[in-house]
Protein backbone atom coordinates (compact mmCIF):
# COMPACT_ATOMS: atom_id res chain seq x y z
CA MET A 1 5.96 19.73 3.87
CA ASP A 2 3.51 17.92 1.58
CA ILE A 3 5.26 15.41 -0.68
CA LEU A 4 2.09 14.42 -2.56
CA GLU A 5 -0.63 16.83 -3.63
CA ALA A 6 -3.48 15.59 -5.80
CA HIS A 7 -6.23 18.08 -6.56
CA HIS A 8 -9.69 17.24 -7.94
CA LEU A 9 -8.62 14.28 -10.07
CA ARG A 10 -11.15 13.03 -12.60
CA LYS A 11 -11.03 10.18 -15.12
CA ILE A 12 -13.80 9.17 -17.52
CA TYR A 13 -13.83 6.03 -19.65
CA ARG A 14 -16.03 5.60 -22.70
CA TYR A 15 -16.80 2.29 -24.38
CA SER A 16 -19.74 0.72 -26.20
CA GLY A 17 -21.50 4.07 -26.18
CA LYS A 18 -21.42 4.27 -22.40
CA THR A 19 -19.62 6.71 -20.12
CA VAL A 20 -18.15 5.52 -16.82
CA ALA A 21 -16.68 7.93 -14.29
CA ALA A 22 -13.91 5.82 -12.72
CA VAL A 23 -12.75 8.80 -10.66
CA GLN A 24 -15.05 11.79 -10.22
CA ASP A 25 -13.36 14.06 -7.68
CA VAL A 26 -10.36 12.93 -5.65
CA SER A 27 -8.04 15.20 -3.70
CA LEU A 28 -5.27 13.80 -1.50
CA ARG A 29 -2.23 15.13 0.30
CA ILE A 30 0.53 13.35 2.18
CA ALA A 31 3.26 15.03 4.16
CA GLU A 32 6.74 13.70 4.80
CA ARG A 33 6.84 11.02 7.54
CA GLU A 34 3.13 10.40 7.02
CA VAL A 35 1.23 7.25 6.01
CA LEU A 36 -2.17 7.67 4.36
CA ALA A 37 -4.33 4.55 4.15
CA PHE A 38 -6.39 4.71 0.96
CA LEU A 39 -9.39 2.42 1.38
CA GLY A 40 -12.34 1.45 -0.77
CA ALA A 41 -14.20 -1.48 -2.30
CA ASN A 42 -13.11 -3.05 -5.57
CA GLY A 43 -14.18 -0.77 -8.40
CA ALA A 44 -14.35 2.33 -6.20
CA GLY A 45 -11.55 4.07 -8.10
CA LYS A 46 -8.45 3.32 -6.01
CA THR A 47 -6.35 1.80 -8.78
CA THR A 48 -7.22 4.49 -11.31
CA THR A 49 -6.32 7.19 -8.78
CA ILE A 50 -3.00 5.54 -7.98
CA LYS A 51 -2.13 5.18 -11.66
CA MET A 52 -2.84 8.88 -12.22
CA ILE A 53 -0.57 9.75 -9.28
CA ALA A 54 2.13 7.45 -10.67
CA GLY A 55 1.98 9.08 -14.10
CA LEU A 56 0.63 5.95 -15.79
CA ILE A 57 -2.77 7.45 -16.67
CA LEU A 58 -3.39 11.04 -17.73
CA PRO A 59 -6.26 12.57 -15.72
CA ASP A 60 -9.09 14.23 -17.62
CA ALA A 61 -9.09 16.98 -15.00
CA GLY A 62 -7.12 17.87 -11.89
CA GLN A 63 -3.45 18.05 -11.01
CA VAL A 64 -0.80 15.90 -9.34
CA ARG A 65 2.32 17.25 -7.67
CA ILE A 66 5.09 15.08 -6.25
CA ALA A 67 7.60 17.16 -4.33
CA GLY A 68 6.21 20.17 -6.17
CA ARG A 69 6.52 18.75 -9.70
CA ASP A 70 4.00 17.31 -12.17
CA PRO A 71 4.72 13.66 -13.13
CA HIS A 72 2.68 14.09 -16.33
CA ARG A 73 4.77 16.99 -17.61
CA ASP A 74 8.17 16.32 -16.06
CA ARG A 75 9.29 12.70 -16.31
CA GLN A 76 12.15 13.39 -13.90
CA THR A 77 9.46 13.67 -11.22
CA LEU A 78 9.13 9.88 -11.29
CA ARG A 79 12.57 9.62 -9.68
CA SER A 80 10.85 10.91 -6.55
CA LEU A 81 8.39 8.01 -6.69
CA GLY A 82 8.71 4.35 -5.72
CA ALA A 83 5.88 1.86 -6.10
CA VAL A 84 4.91 -1.68 -5.20
CA LEU A 85 1.71 -2.16 -7.19
CA GLU A 86 -0.45 -5.30 -7.23
CA GLY A 87 1.66 -7.31 -4.84
CA ASN A 88 5.26 -7.92 -5.93
CA ARG A 89 4.95 -7.44 -9.68
CA ASN A 90 7.84 -5.00 -9.74
CA LEU A 91 10.23 -7.98 -9.67
CA TYR A 92 11.67 -10.22 -12.38
CA TRP A 93 11.19 -13.72 -11.05
CA ARG A 94 14.08 -15.35 -12.95
CA LEU A 95 16.60 -12.80 -11.71
CA THR A 96 18.21 -13.08 -8.30
CA ALA A 97 17.44 -10.68 -5.48
CA GLU A 98 20.75 -8.90 -6.09
CA GLU A 99 20.23 -8.71 -9.86
CA ASN A 100 16.76 -7.21 -9.42
CA LEU A 101 18.07 -4.44 -7.19
CA GLU A 102 21.01 -3.57 -9.43
CA TYR A 103 18.92 -3.71 -12.61
CA PHE A 104 16.19 -1.41 -11.30
CA GLY A 105 18.76 0.88 -9.72
CA VAL A 106 20.43 1.51 -13.08
CA LEU A 107 17.05 1.71 -14.81
CA ARG A 108 16.08 4.52 -12.43
CA GLY A 109 19.18 6.56 -13.13
CA LEU A 110 21.81 5.31 -10.67
CA ALA A 111 25.36 4.72 -11.83
CA PRO A 112 26.19 0.97 -11.84
CA ARG A 113 28.65 1.35 -8.96
CA ILE A 114 26.12 3.27 -6.84
CA ALA A 115 23.42 0.71 -7.70
CA ARG A 116 25.67 -2.12 -6.45
CA VAL A 117 26.47 -0.33 -3.19
CA ARG A 118 22.84 0.62 -2.63
CA SER A 119 21.74 -2.96 -3.38
CA GLN A 120 24.05 -4.42 -0.73
CA GLN A 121 22.83 -1.89 1.82
CA LEU A 122 19.19 -2.74 1.17
CA LEU A 123 19.81 -6.50 1.19
CA ALA A 124 21.43 -6.14 4.60
CA ARG A 125 18.71 -3.88 5.95
CA PHE A 126 15.90 -6.17 4.78
CA GLU A 127 17.75 -9.28 6.07
CA LEU A 128 18.09 -10.74 2.57
CA THR A 129 21.89 -10.86 2.20
CA HIS A 130 21.93 -14.63 2.58
CA LYS A 131 19.43 -14.85 -0.31
CA ARG A 132 21.14 -12.35 -2.60
CA GLN A 133 21.94 -14.95 -5.29
CA THR A 134 18.60 -16.77 -5.04
CA PRO A 135 16.12 -16.33 -7.92
CA VAL A 136 13.00 -14.48 -6.85
CA GLN A 137 10.77 -17.43 -7.75
CA ALA A 138 12.59 -19.53 -5.12
CA LEU A 139 12.08 -17.01 -2.31
CA SER A 140 9.29 -17.25 0.24
CA ARG A 141 6.27 -14.99 -0.19
CA GLY A 142 7.42 -12.80 2.67
CA MET A 143 10.93 -12.44 1.24
CA GLN A 144 9.51 -11.57 -2.16
CA GLN A 145 7.44 -8.81 -0.61
CA LYS A 146 10.39 -7.39 1.31
CA LEU A 147 12.49 -7.46 -1.86
CA ALA A 148 9.72 -5.69 -3.79
CA ILE A 149 9.78 -2.87 -1.24
CA ALA A 150 13.59 -2.76 -1.37
CA VAL A 151 13.44 -2.43 -5.18
CA ALA A 152 10.97 0.45 -4.80
CA LEU A 153 13.48 2.17 -2.49
CA ILE A 154 16.62 1.60 -4.58
CA HIS A 155 16.65 5.18 -5.95
CA ASP A 156 15.73 6.75 -2.57
CA PRO A 157 12.30 8.17 -3.51
CA GLN A 158 10.37 10.70 -1.44
CA LEU A 159 6.95 9.12 -2.11
CA LEU A 160 6.20 5.41 -1.83
CA LEU A 161 3.03 3.77 -3.17
CA LEU A 162 2.27 0.44 -1.51
CA ASP A 163 -0.59 -1.66 -2.85
CA GLU A 164 -1.61 -4.46 -0.43
CA PRO A 165 1.93 -4.88 0.97
CA THR A 166 0.93 -7.61 3.47
CA LEU A 167 -1.56 -9.55 1.33
CA GLY A 168 -1.04 -13.30 1.58
CA LEU A 169 1.69 -13.10 4.22
CA ASP A 170 1.78 -15.13 7.41
CA VAL A 171 1.70 -13.41 10.79
CA GLU A 172 5.49 -13.24 11.21
CA ALA A 173 6.10 -11.90 7.70
CA THR A 174 3.28 -9.38 8.10
CA GLU A 175 4.80 -7.99 11.29
CA SER A 176 8.21 -7.78 9.61
CA VAL A 177 6.83 -5.82 6.65
CA LYS A 178 4.82 -3.52 8.95
CA LEU A 179 7.96 -2.72 10.93
CA LEU A 180 9.83 -1.86 7.73
CA ILE A 181 7.02 0.44 6.58
CA ARG A 182 7.11 2.32 9.89
CA GLU A 183 10.88 2.74 9.59
CA ILE A 184 10.63 3.93 5.98
CA ALA A 185 8.06 6.58 6.91
CA ALA A 186 10.14 7.72 9.89
CA GLU A 187 13.03 8.45 7.51
CA GLY A 188 11.01 11.30 6.01
CA ARG A 189 9.14 9.60 3.19
CA ALA A 190 5.44 9.94 2.44
CA ILE A 191 3.57 6.65 1.97
CA LEU A 192 0.27 5.98 0.22
CA LEU A 193 -0.97 2.60 1.44
CA THR A 194 -3.87 0.64 -0.03
CA THR A 195 -5.14 -2.40 1.84
CA HIS A 196 -8.29 -4.38 2.55
CA GLN A 197 -6.84 -5.41 5.92
CA LEU A 198 -8.24 -2.90 8.38
CA ASP A 199 -5.87 -3.95 11.16
CA VAL A 200 -2.94 -3.06 8.88
CA ALA A 201 -4.44 0.34 8.12
CA GLU A 202 -5.04 0.94 11.83
CA ALA A 203 -1.50 -0.09 12.80
CA LEU A 204 0.36 1.88 10.12
CA SER A 205 -1.60 4.93 9.02
CA ASP A 206 -1.74 8.46 10.37
CA ARG A 207 -4.79 9.29 8.29
CA VAL A 208 -7.44 7.36 6.34
CA ALA A 209 -9.15 8.35 3.10
CA ILE A 210 -12.09 6.24 1.93
CA ILE A 211 -13.09 6.37 -1.73
CA GLN A 212 -16.60 5.46 -2.84
CA LYS A 213 -17.94 5.62 -6.40
CA GLY A 214 -14.94 7.60 -7.56
CA ALA A 215 -15.02 10.31 -4.88
CA ILE A 216 -13.59 10.69 -1.37
CA ALA A 217 -16.40 9.81 1.03
CA ILE A 218 -14.45 10.54 4.21
CA GLU A 219 -10.93 11.59 5.20
CA SER A 220 -9.86 11.73 8.81
CA ALA A 221 -7.08 11.04 11.26
CA THR A 222 -7.00 7.29 11.90
CA SER A 223 -7.51 7.73 15.64
CA ASP A 224 -10.54 9.97 15.06
CA LEU A 225 -12.09 7.51 12.63
CA ILE A 226 -11.63 4.60 15.03
CA ARG A 227 -13.18 6.64 17.83
CA GLN A 228 -16.12 7.55 15.59
CA PHE A 229 -16.99 3.95 14.82
CA SER A 230 -15.82 2.25 18.01
CA GLY A 231 -19.34 2.15 19.44
CA THR A 232 -20.93 0.78 16.29
CA ALA A 233 -22.65 -2.59 16.59
CA TYR A 234 -23.94 -4.93 13.90
CA THR A 235 -26.63 -7.59 13.91
CA ILE A 236 -25.90 -10.70 11.84
CA SER A 237 -28.79 -12.92 10.77
CA LEU A 238 -28.14 -16.58 9.94
CA GLU A 239 -30.27 -18.93 7.88
CA GLN A 240 -29.75 -21.64 10.51
CA PRO A 241 -28.79 -21.31 14.20
CA LEU A 242 -25.25 -22.15 15.29
CA GLU A 243 -24.92 -25.11 17.61
CA GLY A 244 -22.34 -26.80 19.79
CA ASP A 245 -18.66 -26.12 19.08
CA ARG A 246 -19.33 -23.53 16.38
CA LEU A 247 -21.36 -21.37 18.75
CA ALA A 248 -18.69 -21.71 21.42
CA LYS A 249 -15.93 -20.68 19.00
CA VAL A 250 -17.85 -17.57 17.97
CA TYR A 251 -18.50 -16.61 21.58
CA PHE A 252 -14.93 -17.04 22.78
CA SER A 253 -13.42 -15.33 19.71
CA ALA A 254 -15.44 -12.26 20.73
CA ASN A 255 -14.51 -12.70 24.41
CA PRO A 256 -10.86 -13.86 24.31
CA THR A 257 -10.16 -13.05 27.97
CA GLU A 258 -12.72 -15.57 29.21
CA THR A 259 -11.53 -19.10 29.78
CA GLY A 260 -14.78 -20.79 30.53
CA GLY A 261 -18.50 -20.41 30.92
CA VAL A 262 -21.81 -21.74 29.83
CA ILE A 263 -23.42 -20.58 26.61
CA VAL A 264 -27.18 -20.64 26.59
């Protein structure tokens, strides 16, 4: 079953007598238990597309359906949507972890008692119980990101939008967040993931959609896309030749299984 269906989305902006097509023709679908990595350069149209899906921007053309309903016509549809956009901005930094969860739970339609129960469950699941009374601004970057995802899940949405969920995290925190995302998808949710970290997209996504100049340039199963480009090689030209230790570091980073050798 497809949780997200976006058909031929288009958004035009006009200013100073100029017309800019931020999104020209974008169609996406995500089924339950599926992660779609949505990739593209800055300015390609990712953010505008996501905001149209989230009901924040009205498309000039095209349709969005979340679990069969239109978020632009039926505001109740947004209860099927959870989002972590632009890092962890869905948190109030002066509130504690517990207060954030309960506040957003009630804001999204949960009864206060249910919000409290759900908050404790998520704090335990995300290993944040010991930090439940700590203000967000005092949490580590990794804990803030896990809390942001927990807040997005407080009302048990069917579709989750994750914008750069591992940006700025250390290796341990990144692996922790990646594990949580896999678990969340396995529960039956659909996930739209944007990232500039290709290793994250490769590790988490079932399919990849690449947007370029406001339109989908390619959409494919992640494994097929990796296979397609696995034999690609690039030539890098330098203004000055590398010497000594720098040349050795480049060589052994590309050949990590080798422990020695002479570089000519």
